[in-house]
Amino acid sequence: MASIAEGVYWCARDLAGVAVVGNHHFILMVSDPGSFAKLPFPPKDESGVYFCTLAGFKSTAGRLTFMFNEENDVQSVLEKINPETYTSLLTPDLDLEIHKVTPPHGSEDAFANEVAQLAQNYSSNTQAGAPAYTLRDANCSAWVNTLFSIAGVSKTDRERYGEFFGIDWGEEDLIDPKLFSV
């Protein structure tokens, strides 16, 4: 069993159920149950590791929409924490990679709260119409990159955190920052 330290992470996992080579990027937040009580997203619990995932996804309407604790994101984290239970030699797994993001200012908890608030702002601001999802520009990677940019993570750090094994489309792109504001 592996443990993941408390913090905010830029993550990538294999794409689920498609033959295309590439990664899906998302944010992983790991904390204690008390800290999650202050956040708007309910945590998952595996072997005492409390976590939630935040990401941009292509909706059925072709829009870049926000989801938390999406099934495949959660599965990839479960595989990382407890591979004996959640992986098998007979089936492919989601090969999660994680890069811990150093808070640009303040504490880990304050940074987690800011990240959660920015994601919630995006969700609210795109209820009437999210931007069109495009593989090369407005995608999950650009969603994560933009959120961290607004949270104050430097471009140099974002370029480092956003590099994973495989093909990463748009990890250095930004979408309209107004979508994440109050």
N, C-alpha and C. Protein backbone atom coordinates (compact mmCIF):
# COMPACT_ATOMS: atom_id res chain seq x y z
N MET A 1 0.83 -1.18 0.00
CA MET A 1 0.00 0.00 0.00
C MET A 1 0.87 1.25 0.00
N ALA A 2 0.48 2.21 -0.78
CA ALA A 2 1.21 3.48 -0.84
C ALA A 2 0.37 4.57 -0.17
N SER A 3 1.04 5.52 0.39
CA SER A 3 0.35 6.65 0.97
C SER A 3 0.71 7.88 0.15
N ILE A 4 -0.19 8.81 0.11
CA ILE A 4 0.07 10.07 -0.58
C ILE A 4 -0.03 11.16 0.48
N ALA A 5 1.01 11.97 0.61
CA ALA A 5 1.05 13.02 1.61
C ALA A 5 -0.02 14.08 1.33
N GLU A 6 -0.44 14.76 2.38
CA GLU A 6 -1.40 15.84 2.22
C GLU A 6 -0.84 16.90 1.28
N GLY A 7 -1.72 17.47 0.48
CA GLY A 7 -1.31 18.53 -0.43
C GLY A 7 -2.17 18.57 -1.67
N VAL A 8 -1.77 19.41 -2.59
CA VAL A 8 -2.45 19.58 -3.87
C VAL A 8 -1.48 19.10 -4.95
N TYR A 9 -1.98 18.31 -5.89
CA TYR A 9 -1.15 17.68 -6.91
C TYR A 9 -1.70 17.93 -8.31
N TRP A 10 -0.79 18.12 -9.25
CA TRP A 10 -1.13 18.09 -10.67
C TRP A 10 -0.89 16.65 -11.10
N CYS A 11 -1.92 16.01 -11.63
CA CYS A 11 -1.86 14.58 -11.96
C CYS A 11 -2.15 14.34 -13.43
N ALA A 12 -1.67 13.20 -13.90
CA ALA A 12 -2.02 12.71 -15.23
C ALA A 12 -2.20 11.21 -15.12
N ARG A 13 -3.15 10.73 -15.89
CA ARG A 13 -3.41 9.28 -15.96
C ARG A 13 -3.64 8.92 -17.41
N ASP A 14 -3.57 7.62 -17.69
CA ASP A 14 -3.90 7.15 -19.03
C ASP A 14 -5.35 7.49 -19.35
N LEU A 15 -5.62 7.73 -20.62
CA LEU A 15 -7.00 7.93 -21.05
C LEU A 15 -7.75 6.62 -20.86
N ALA A 16 -8.98 6.71 -20.45
CA ALA A 16 -9.78 5.51 -20.17
C ALA A 16 -10.60 5.11 -21.39
N GLY A 17 -10.48 3.85 -21.77
CA GLY A 17 -11.36 3.28 -22.78
C GLY A 17 -11.18 3.77 -24.19
N VAL A 18 -10.03 4.37 -24.51
CA VAL A 18 -9.80 4.82 -25.88
C VAL A 18 -8.44 4.30 -26.35
N ALA A 19 -8.31 4.15 -27.63
CA ALA A 19 -7.07 3.63 -28.20
C ALA A 19 -6.05 4.74 -28.47
N VAL A 20 -6.45 5.99 -28.26
CA VAL A 20 -5.56 7.12 -28.50
C VAL A 20 -4.51 7.18 -27.39
N VAL A 21 -3.29 7.45 -27.77
CA VAL A 21 -2.23 7.60 -26.78
C VAL A 21 -2.27 9.03 -26.27
N GLY A 22 -2.32 9.17 -24.98
CA GLY A 22 -2.35 10.50 -24.38
C GLY A 22 -2.69 10.41 -22.92
N ASN A 23 -2.70 11.55 -22.27
CA ASN A 23 -2.98 11.64 -20.85
C ASN A 23 -4.20 12.50 -20.58
N HIS A 24 -4.83 12.22 -19.46
CA HIS A 24 -5.87 13.09 -18.91
C HIS A 24 -5.28 13.74 -17.68
N HIS A 25 -5.35 15.07 -17.60
CA HIS A 25 -4.80 15.81 -16.46
C HIS A 25 -5.93 16.19 -15.51
N PHE A 26 -5.60 16.17 -14.22
CA PHE A 26 -6.56 16.59 -13.20
C PHE A 26 -5.82 17.02 -11.95
N ILE A 27 -6.55 17.60 -11.01
CA ILE A 27 -6.00 18.02 -9.73
C ILE A 27 -6.45 17.02 -8.67
N LEU A 28 -5.51 16.65 -7.83
CA LEU A 28 -5.78 15.77 -6.69
C LEU A 28 -5.53 16.58 -5.43
N MET A 29 -6.50 16.57 -4.53
CA MET A 29 -6.35 17.21 -3.23
C MET A 29 -6.40 16.13 -2.17
N VAL A 30 -5.38 16.09 -1.31
CA VAL A 30 -5.29 15.10 -0.24
C VAL A 30 -5.21 15.87 1.07
N SER A 31 -6.08 15.52 2.03
CA SER A 31 -6.08 16.21 3.31
C SER A 31 -6.70 15.33 4.37
N ASP A 32 -6.86 15.88 5.54
CA ASP A 32 -7.53 15.15 6.62
C ASP A 32 -9.03 15.43 6.56
N PRO A 33 -9.84 14.59 7.20
CA PRO A 33 -11.30 14.79 7.13
C PRO A 33 -11.75 16.16 7.62
N GLY A 34 -11.08 16.70 8.64
CA GLY A 34 -11.45 18.02 9.15
C GLY A 34 -11.27 19.11 8.12
N SER A 35 -10.18 19.07 7.37
CA SER A 35 -9.96 20.07 6.33
C SER A 35 -10.98 19.93 5.22
N PHE A 36 -11.35 18.69 4.88
CA PHE A 36 -12.35 18.50 3.83
C PHE A 36 -13.72 19.02 4.24
N ALA A 37 -13.98 19.08 5.54
CA ALA A 37 -15.25 19.62 6.01
C ALA A 37 -15.42 21.07 5.60
N LYS A 38 -14.30 21.78 5.36
CA LYS A 38 -14.33 23.18 4.96
C LYS A 38 -14.39 23.36 3.44
N LEU A 39 -14.23 22.26 2.70
CA LEU A 39 -14.21 22.34 1.24
C LEU A 39 -15.57 21.96 0.66
N PRO A 40 -15.89 22.45 -0.53
CA PRO A 40 -17.20 22.17 -1.13
C PRO A 40 -17.32 20.80 -1.78
N PHE A 41 -16.25 20.01 -1.80
CA PHE A 41 -16.28 18.73 -2.48
C PHE A 41 -16.05 17.60 -1.48
N PRO A 42 -16.92 16.60 -1.48
CA PRO A 42 -16.76 15.51 -0.52
C PRO A 42 -15.57 14.62 -0.87
N PRO A 43 -14.84 14.17 0.15
CA PRO A 43 -13.67 13.34 -0.13
C PRO A 43 -14.03 11.87 -0.31
N LYS A 44 -13.13 11.17 -0.95
CA LYS A 44 -13.13 9.71 -0.99
C LYS A 44 -12.13 9.28 0.08
N ASP A 45 -12.27 8.06 0.56
CA ASP A 45 -11.35 7.55 1.59
C ASP A 45 -10.88 6.17 1.17
N GLU A 46 -9.57 6.01 1.12
CA GLU A 46 -8.99 4.70 0.86
C GLU A 46 -7.82 4.52 1.82
N SER A 47 -7.96 3.54 2.68
CA SER A 47 -6.88 3.20 3.62
C SER A 47 -6.42 4.41 4.42
N GLY A 48 -7.37 5.26 4.81
CA GLY A 48 -7.04 6.44 5.61
C GLY A 48 -6.52 7.62 4.83
N VAL A 49 -6.47 7.53 3.50
CA VAL A 49 -6.08 8.66 2.66
C VAL A 49 -7.37 9.31 2.15
N TYR A 50 -7.61 10.55 2.56
CA TYR A 50 -8.81 11.29 2.15
C TYR A 50 -8.43 12.18 0.97
N PHE A 51 -9.20 12.07 -0.11
CA PHE A 51 -8.84 12.80 -1.32
C PHE A 51 -10.07 13.16 -2.13
N CYS A 52 -9.90 14.13 -3.01
CA CYS A 52 -10.91 14.40 -4.04
C CYS A 52 -10.16 14.84 -5.30
N THR A 53 -10.82 14.66 -6.43
CA THR A 53 -10.23 15.03 -7.71
C THR A 53 -11.08 16.13 -8.36
N LEU A 54 -10.41 17.02 -9.08
CA LEU A 54 -11.05 18.14 -9.77
C LEU A 54 -10.51 18.17 -11.19
N ALA A 55 -11.40 18.30 -12.18
CA ALA A 55 -10.90 18.28 -13.56
C ALA A 55 -11.88 18.90 -14.55
N GLY A 56 -11.32 19.26 -15.68
CA GLY A 56 -12.12 19.66 -16.82
C GLY A 56 -12.28 18.47 -17.75
N PHE A 57 -13.50 18.30 -18.28
CA PHE A 57 -13.82 17.17 -19.16
C PHE A 57 -14.61 17.65 -20.37
N LYS A 58 -14.52 16.88 -21.43
CA LYS A 58 -15.35 17.13 -22.61
C LYS A 58 -16.74 16.58 -22.35
N SER A 59 -17.74 17.46 -22.38
CA SER A 59 -19.13 17.03 -22.17
C SER A 59 -19.68 16.40 -23.44
N THR A 60 -20.84 15.80 -23.35
CA THR A 60 -21.48 15.22 -24.53
C THR A 60 -21.82 16.30 -25.56
N ALA A 61 -21.92 17.55 -25.11
CA ALA A 61 -22.18 18.67 -26.02
C ALA A 61 -20.89 19.27 -26.58
N GLY A 62 -19.74 18.66 -26.24
CA GLY A 62 -18.47 19.14 -26.76
C GLY A 62 -17.92 20.36 -26.04
N ARG A 63 -18.30 20.53 -24.79
CA ARG A 63 -17.87 21.68 -23.99
C ARG A 63 -16.91 21.25 -22.89
N LEU A 64 -16.05 22.17 -22.45
CA LEU A 64 -15.09 21.92 -21.38
C LEU A 64 -15.80 22.18 -20.05
N THR A 65 -16.26 21.11 -19.43
CA THR A 65 -17.03 21.23 -18.19
C THR A 65 -16.22 20.71 -17.00
N PHE A 66 -16.62 21.14 -15.82
CA PHE A 66 -15.95 20.75 -14.58
C PHE A 66 -16.65 19.54 -13.96
N MET A 67 -15.83 18.64 -13.43
CA MET A 67 -16.34 17.50 -12.65
C MET A 67 -15.41 17.26 -11.48
N PHE A 68 -15.98 16.86 -10.36
CA PHE A 68 -15.14 16.43 -9.25
C PHE A 68 -15.41 14.95 -8.99
N ASN A 69 -14.38 14.26 -8.51
CA ASN A 69 -14.45 12.83 -8.21
C ASN A 69 -15.02 12.01 -9.36
N GLU A 70 -14.58 12.32 -10.57
CA GLU A 70 -14.99 11.54 -11.74
C GLU A 70 -14.46 10.11 -11.58
N GLU A 71 -15.24 9.16 -12.01
CA GLU A 71 -14.98 7.74 -11.77
C GLU A 71 -13.56 7.28 -12.14
N ASN A 72 -13.07 7.62 -13.32
CA ASN A 72 -11.75 7.16 -13.74
C ASN A 72 -10.62 7.89 -13.00
N ASP A 73 -10.83 9.16 -12.67
CA ASP A 73 -9.84 9.88 -11.87
C ASP A 73 -9.71 9.22 -10.50
N VAL A 74 -10.86 8.95 -9.88
CA VAL A 74 -10.86 8.30 -8.57
C VAL A 74 -10.21 6.92 -8.66
N GLN A 75 -10.55 6.17 -9.70
CA GLN A 75 -9.98 4.82 -9.87
C GLN A 75 -8.46 4.89 -9.97
N SER A 76 -7.94 5.87 -10.69
CA SER A 76 -6.49 5.98 -10.82
C SER A 76 -5.82 6.26 -9.48
N VAL A 77 -6.46 7.05 -8.64
CA VAL A 77 -5.92 7.34 -7.30
C VAL A 77 -5.99 6.08 -6.44
N LEU A 78 -7.11 5.36 -6.51
CA LEU A 78 -7.24 4.12 -5.75
C LEU A 78 -6.14 3.13 -6.15
N GLU A 79 -5.86 3.04 -7.44
CA GLU A 79 -4.80 2.15 -7.93
C GLU A 79 -3.44 2.54 -7.37
N LYS A 80 -3.20 3.83 -7.22
CA LYS A 80 -1.93 4.32 -6.69
C LYS A 80 -1.81 4.02 -5.19
N ILE A 81 -2.90 4.23 -4.46
CA ILE A 81 -2.86 4.02 -3.01
C ILE A 81 -2.82 2.54 -2.66
N ASN A 82 -3.63 1.76 -3.35
CA ASN A 82 -3.78 0.35 -2.98
C ASN A 82 -3.76 -0.54 -4.23
N PRO A 83 -2.58 -0.68 -4.87
CA PRO A 83 -2.51 -1.46 -6.11
C PRO A 83 -2.88 -2.93 -5.95
N GLU A 84 -2.65 -3.49 -4.77
CA GLU A 84 -2.99 -4.90 -4.55
C GLU A 84 -4.49 -5.15 -4.71
N THR A 85 -5.29 -4.17 -4.34
CA THR A 85 -6.75 -4.31 -4.44
C THR A 85 -7.29 -3.83 -5.77
N TYR A 86 -6.71 -2.77 -6.33
CA TYR A 86 -7.33 -2.11 -7.48
C TYR A 86 -6.65 -2.34 -8.82
N THR A 87 -5.60 -3.15 -8.86
CA THR A 87 -4.99 -3.48 -10.15
C THR A 87 -4.90 -4.99 -10.31
N SER A 88 -4.77 -5.41 -11.55
CA SER A 88 -4.68 -6.83 -11.87
C SER A 88 -3.78 -7.01 -13.08
N LEU A 89 -3.06 -8.10 -13.10
CA LEU A 89 -2.23 -8.39 -14.28
C LEU A 89 -3.09 -8.65 -15.51
N LEU A 90 -4.36 -8.96 -15.32
CA LEU A 90 -5.25 -9.31 -16.42
C LEU A 90 -5.95 -8.11 -17.06
N THR A 91 -5.87 -6.95 -16.41
CA THR A 91 -6.54 -5.77 -16.95
C THR A 91 -5.59 -4.57 -16.90
N PRO A 92 -5.72 -3.65 -17.85
CA PRO A 92 -4.87 -2.46 -17.81
C PRO A 92 -5.29 -1.55 -16.66
N ASP A 93 -4.32 -0.82 -16.13
CA ASP A 93 -4.67 0.16 -15.12
C ASP A 93 -4.48 1.56 -15.71
N LEU A 94 -4.72 2.58 -14.90
CA LEU A 94 -4.74 3.95 -15.40
C LEU A 94 -3.42 4.70 -15.20
N ASP A 95 -2.40 4.04 -14.65
CA ASP A 95 -1.04 4.58 -14.57
C ASP A 95 -0.97 6.04 -14.14
N LEU A 96 -1.41 6.30 -12.93
CA LEU A 96 -1.40 7.66 -12.38
C LEU A 96 0.02 8.14 -12.11
N GLU A 97 0.29 9.39 -12.51
CA GLU A 97 1.51 10.09 -12.13
C GLU A 97 1.08 11.34 -11.37
N ILE A 98 1.82 11.68 -10.31
CA ILE A 98 1.46 12.85 -9.52
C ILE A 98 2.68 13.74 -9.30
N HIS A 99 2.44 15.06 -9.34
CA HIS A 99 3.46 16.06 -9.04
C HIS A 99 2.87 16.99 -7.99
N LYS A 100 3.47 16.99 -6.81
CA LYS A 100 2.97 17.86 -5.74
C LYS A 100 3.27 19.31 -6.09
N VAL A 101 2.25 20.16 -5.95
CA VAL A 101 2.36 21.58 -6.26
C VAL A 101 2.67 22.33 -4.96
N THR A 102 3.76 23.03 -4.95
CA THR A 102 4.13 23.84 -3.79
C THR A 102 3.25 25.08 -3.77
N PRO A 103 2.57 25.35 -2.64
CA PRO A 103 1.75 26.56 -2.58
C PRO A 103 2.60 27.80 -2.86
N PRO A 104 2.15 28.67 -3.76
CA PRO A 104 2.94 29.86 -4.08
C PRO A 104 2.93 30.88 -2.94
N HIS A 105 1.97 30.77 -2.06
CA HIS A 105 1.86 31.64 -0.89
C HIS A 105 0.93 30.95 0.11
N GLY A 106 1.13 31.20 1.37
CA GLY A 106 0.25 30.64 2.38
C GLY A 106 0.47 29.16 2.67
N SER A 107 -0.43 28.61 3.42
CA SER A 107 -0.34 27.22 3.86
C SER A 107 -0.92 26.26 2.84
N GLU A 108 -0.67 24.96 3.08
CA GLU A 108 -1.27 23.91 2.23
C GLU A 108 -2.80 24.02 2.26
N ASP A 109 -3.36 24.22 3.47
CA ASP A 109 -4.82 24.32 3.60
C ASP A 109 -5.37 25.53 2.85
N ALA A 110 -4.70 26.68 2.98
CA ALA A 110 -5.16 27.89 2.28
C ALA A 110 -5.10 27.68 0.78
N PHE A 111 -4.04 27.04 0.30
CA PHE A 111 -3.91 26.76 -1.13
C PHE A 111 -5.01 25.81 -1.59
N ALA A 112 -5.28 24.76 -0.83
CA ALA A 112 -6.36 23.82 -1.18
C ALA A 112 -7.70 24.54 -1.24
N ASN A 113 -7.94 25.43 -0.29
CA ASN A 113 -9.20 26.19 -0.29
C ASN A 113 -9.30 27.08 -1.53
N GLU A 114 -8.19 27.72 -1.90
CA GLU A 114 -8.19 28.58 -3.08
C GLU A 114 -8.43 27.76 -4.35
N VAL A 115 -7.78 26.62 -4.47
CA VAL A 115 -7.97 25.75 -5.63
C VAL A 115 -9.42 25.30 -5.72
N ALA A 116 -9.99 24.89 -4.60
CA ALA A 116 -11.39 24.46 -4.58
C ALA A 116 -12.33 25.60 -4.98
N GLN A 117 -12.05 26.80 -4.48
CA GLN A 117 -12.89 27.95 -4.82
C GLN A 117 -12.81 28.28 -6.30
N LEU A 118 -11.60 28.23 -6.88
CA LEU A 118 -11.45 28.51 -8.30
C LEU A 118 -12.21 27.49 -9.15
N ALA A 119 -12.14 26.22 -8.76
CA ALA A 119 -12.89 25.19 -9.49
C ALA A 119 -14.39 25.43 -9.37
N GLN A 120 -14.83 25.79 -8.18
CA GLN A 120 -16.25 26.06 -7.97
C GLN A 120 -16.68 27.29 -8.79
N ASN A 121 -15.82 28.31 -8.87
CA ASN A 121 -16.13 29.49 -9.69
C ASN A 121 -16.30 29.07 -11.15
N TYR A 122 -15.40 28.24 -11.65
CA TYR A 122 -15.49 27.78 -13.03
C TYR A 122 -16.83 27.07 -13.25
N SER A 123 -17.19 26.21 -12.34
CA SER A 123 -18.45 25.47 -12.45
C SER A 123 -19.63 26.44 -12.53
N SER A 124 -19.65 27.43 -11.65
CA SER A 124 -20.74 28.42 -11.64
C SER A 124 -20.75 29.27 -12.90
N ASN A 125 -19.56 29.72 -13.30
CA ASN A 125 -19.46 30.63 -14.45
C ASN A 125 -19.76 29.97 -15.78
N THR A 126 -19.72 28.65 -15.83
CA THR A 126 -19.94 27.97 -17.11
C THR A 126 -21.28 27.24 -17.16
N GLN A 127 -22.14 27.49 -16.19
CA GLN A 127 -23.47 26.84 -16.20
C GLN A 127 -24.25 27.20 -17.46
N ALA A 128 -24.16 28.44 -17.88
CA ALA A 128 -24.90 28.88 -19.07
C ALA A 128 -24.19 28.54 -20.36
N GLY A 129 -22.94 28.16 -20.28
CA GLY A 129 -22.21 27.81 -21.50
C GLY A 129 -20.71 27.76 -21.28
N ALA A 130 -20.18 26.58 -21.25
CA ALA A 130 -18.75 26.39 -21.12
C ALA A 130 -18.08 26.57 -22.48
N PRO A 131 -16.78 26.87 -22.49
CA PRO A 131 -16.09 26.99 -23.78
C PRO A 131 -16.06 25.66 -24.52
N ALA A 132 -15.92 25.74 -25.81
CA ALA A 132 -15.82 24.53 -26.62
C ALA A 132 -14.54 23.79 -26.24
N TYR A 133 -14.66 22.49 -26.09
CA TYR A 133 -13.50 21.64 -25.81
C TYR A 133 -12.75 21.42 -27.12
N THR A 134 -11.43 21.62 -27.08
CA THR A 134 -10.60 21.30 -28.24
C THR A 134 -9.39 20.53 -27.74
N LEU A 135 -9.03 19.50 -28.41
CA LEU A 135 -7.93 18.64 -27.99
C LEU A 135 -6.63 19.41 -27.81
N ARG A 136 -6.36 20.34 -28.70
CA ARG A 136 -5.06 21.02 -28.68
C ARG A 136 -5.04 22.29 -27.86
N ASP A 137 -6.18 22.82 -27.43
CA ASP A 137 -6.16 24.10 -26.72
C ASP A 137 -6.98 24.09 -25.43
N ALA A 138 -8.28 24.04 -25.53
CA ALA A 138 -9.16 24.11 -24.35
C ALA A 138 -9.53 22.69 -23.93
N ASN A 139 -8.64 22.09 -23.15
CA ASN A 139 -8.86 20.71 -22.72
C ASN A 139 -8.54 20.58 -21.23
N CYS A 140 -8.47 19.35 -20.74
CA CYS A 140 -8.23 19.11 -19.32
C CYS A 140 -6.91 19.69 -18.85
N SER A 141 -5.87 19.59 -19.66
CA SER A 141 -4.55 20.11 -19.29
C SER A 141 -4.57 21.63 -19.18
N ALA A 142 -5.18 22.28 -20.16
CA ALA A 142 -5.27 23.74 -20.13
C ALA A 142 -6.13 24.20 -18.95
N TRP A 143 -7.16 23.42 -18.61
CA TRP A 143 -8.01 23.74 -17.45
C TRP A 143 -7.16 23.76 -16.17
N VAL A 144 -6.37 22.71 -15.96
CA VAL A 144 -5.51 22.63 -14.78
C VAL A 144 -4.48 23.75 -14.80
N ASN A 145 -3.82 23.96 -15.93
CA ASN A 145 -2.79 24.99 -16.05
C ASN A 145 -3.36 26.37 -15.73
N THR A 146 -4.54 26.67 -16.25
CA THR A 146 -5.15 27.98 -16.02
C THR A 146 -5.50 28.16 -14.55
N LEU A 147 -6.09 27.15 -13.95
CA LEU A 147 -6.45 27.25 -12.54
C LEU A 147 -5.21 27.51 -11.69
N PHE A 148 -4.13 26.75 -11.91
CA PHE A 148 -2.91 26.97 -11.13
C PHE A 148 -2.29 28.33 -11.44
N SER A 149 -2.39 28.80 -12.66
CA SER A 149 -1.89 30.13 -13.01
C SER A 149 -2.60 31.20 -12.19
N ILE A 150 -3.91 31.11 -12.12
CA ILE A 150 -4.70 32.09 -11.37
C ILE A 150 -4.40 31.99 -9.88
N ALA A 151 -4.09 30.79 -9.41
CA ALA A 151 -3.76 30.58 -7.99
C ALA A 151 -2.35 31.06 -7.66
N GLY A 152 -1.60 31.54 -8.65
CA GLY A 152 -0.30 32.13 -8.39
C GLY A 152 0.90 31.24 -8.62
N VAL A 153 0.69 30.04 -9.16
CA VAL A 153 1.81 29.13 -9.45
C VAL A 153 2.54 29.69 -10.68
N SER A 154 3.84 29.85 -10.58
CA SER A 154 4.61 30.47 -11.65
C SER A 154 4.58 29.63 -12.93
N LYS A 155 4.84 30.30 -14.04
CA LYS A 155 4.89 29.61 -15.33
C LYS A 155 5.97 28.54 -15.33
N THR A 156 7.12 28.84 -14.76
CA THR A 156 8.21 27.87 -14.69
C THR A 156 7.79 26.63 -13.92
N ASP A 157 7.14 26.83 -12.77
CA ASP A 157 6.68 25.68 -11.98
C ASP A 157 5.58 24.92 -12.70
N ARG A 158 4.66 25.63 -13.35
CA ARG A 158 3.58 24.95 -14.08
C ARG A 158 4.13 24.11 -15.22
N GLU A 159 5.16 24.62 -15.91
CA GLU A 159 5.76 23.84 -16.99
C GLU A 159 6.38 22.56 -16.44
N ARG A 160 6.98 22.64 -15.25
CA ARG A 160 7.60 21.46 -14.64
C ARG A 160 6.52 20.49 -14.13
N TYR A 161 5.52 21.01 -13.43
CA TYR A 161 4.46 20.14 -12.89
C TYR A 161 3.63 19.47 -13.98
N GLY A 162 3.49 20.13 -15.13
CA GLY A 162 2.62 19.63 -16.19
C GLY A 162 3.25 18.63 -17.14
N GLU A 163 4.51 18.26 -16.91
CA GLU A 163 5.20 17.30 -17.77
C GLU A 163 5.06 15.88 -17.22
N PHE A 164 4.51 15.00 -18.05
CA PHE A 164 4.29 13.61 -17.66
C PHE A 164 4.74 12.69 -18.79
N PHE A 165 4.88 11.42 -18.48
CA PHE A 165 5.20 10.43 -19.49
C PHE A 165 4.05 10.39 -20.50
N GLY A 166 4.36 10.25 -21.76
CA GLY A 166 3.32 10.18 -22.79
C GLY A 166 3.04 11.54 -23.39
N ILE A 167 1.93 11.63 -24.08
CA ILE A 167 1.57 12.84 -24.81
C ILE A 167 0.65 13.69 -23.97
N ASP A 168 1.07 14.92 -23.72
CA ASP A 168 0.28 15.91 -22.98
C ASP A 168 -0.09 17.02 -23.96
N TRP A 169 -1.36 17.14 -24.28
CA TRP A 169 -1.83 18.19 -25.17
C TRP A 169 -2.30 19.38 -24.35
N GLY A 170 -1.77 20.55 -24.62
CA GLY A 170 -2.29 21.78 -24.04
C GLY A 170 -1.88 22.06 -22.61
N GLU A 171 -0.87 21.34 -22.09
CA GLU A 171 -0.51 21.55 -20.69
C GLU A 171 0.12 22.91 -20.43
N GLU A 172 0.51 23.61 -21.49
CA GLU A 172 1.06 24.95 -21.33
C GLU A 172 0.10 26.01 -21.85
N ASP A 173 -1.07 25.61 -22.32
CA ASP A 173 -2.07 26.54 -22.82
C ASP A 173 -2.91 27.09 -21.67
N LEU A 174 -3.49 28.25 -21.91
CA LEU A 174 -4.40 28.86 -20.94
C LEU A 174 -5.75 29.11 -21.61
N ILE A 175 -6.80 28.95 -20.83
CA ILE A 175 -8.14 29.33 -21.29
C ILE A 175 -8.50 30.65 -20.62
N ASP A 176 -9.63 31.20 -20.93
CA ASP A 176 -10.04 32.51 -20.41
C ASP A 176 -10.04 32.51 -18.88
N PRO A 177 -9.17 33.29 -18.26
CA PRO A 177 -9.09 33.30 -16.79
C PRO A 177 -10.36 33.83 -16.11
N LYS A 178 -11.16 34.61 -16.83
CA LYS A 178 -12.40 35.11 -16.24
C LYS A 178 -13.35 34.00 -15.84
N LEU A 179 -13.20 32.84 -16.48
CA LEU A 179 -14.07 31.71 -16.15
C LEU A 179 -13.86 31.20 -14.73
N PHE A 180 -12.72 31.54 -14.13
CA PHE A 180 -12.40 31.07 -12.78
C PHE A 180 -12.60 32.16 -11.72
N SER A 181 -13.01 33.36 -12.13
CA SER A 181 -13.15 34.46 -11.17
C SER A 181 -14.55 34.52 -10.61
N VAL A 182 -14.67 35.26 -9.53
CA VAL A 182 -15.96 35.40 -8.84
C VAL A 182 -16.90 36.25 -9.66
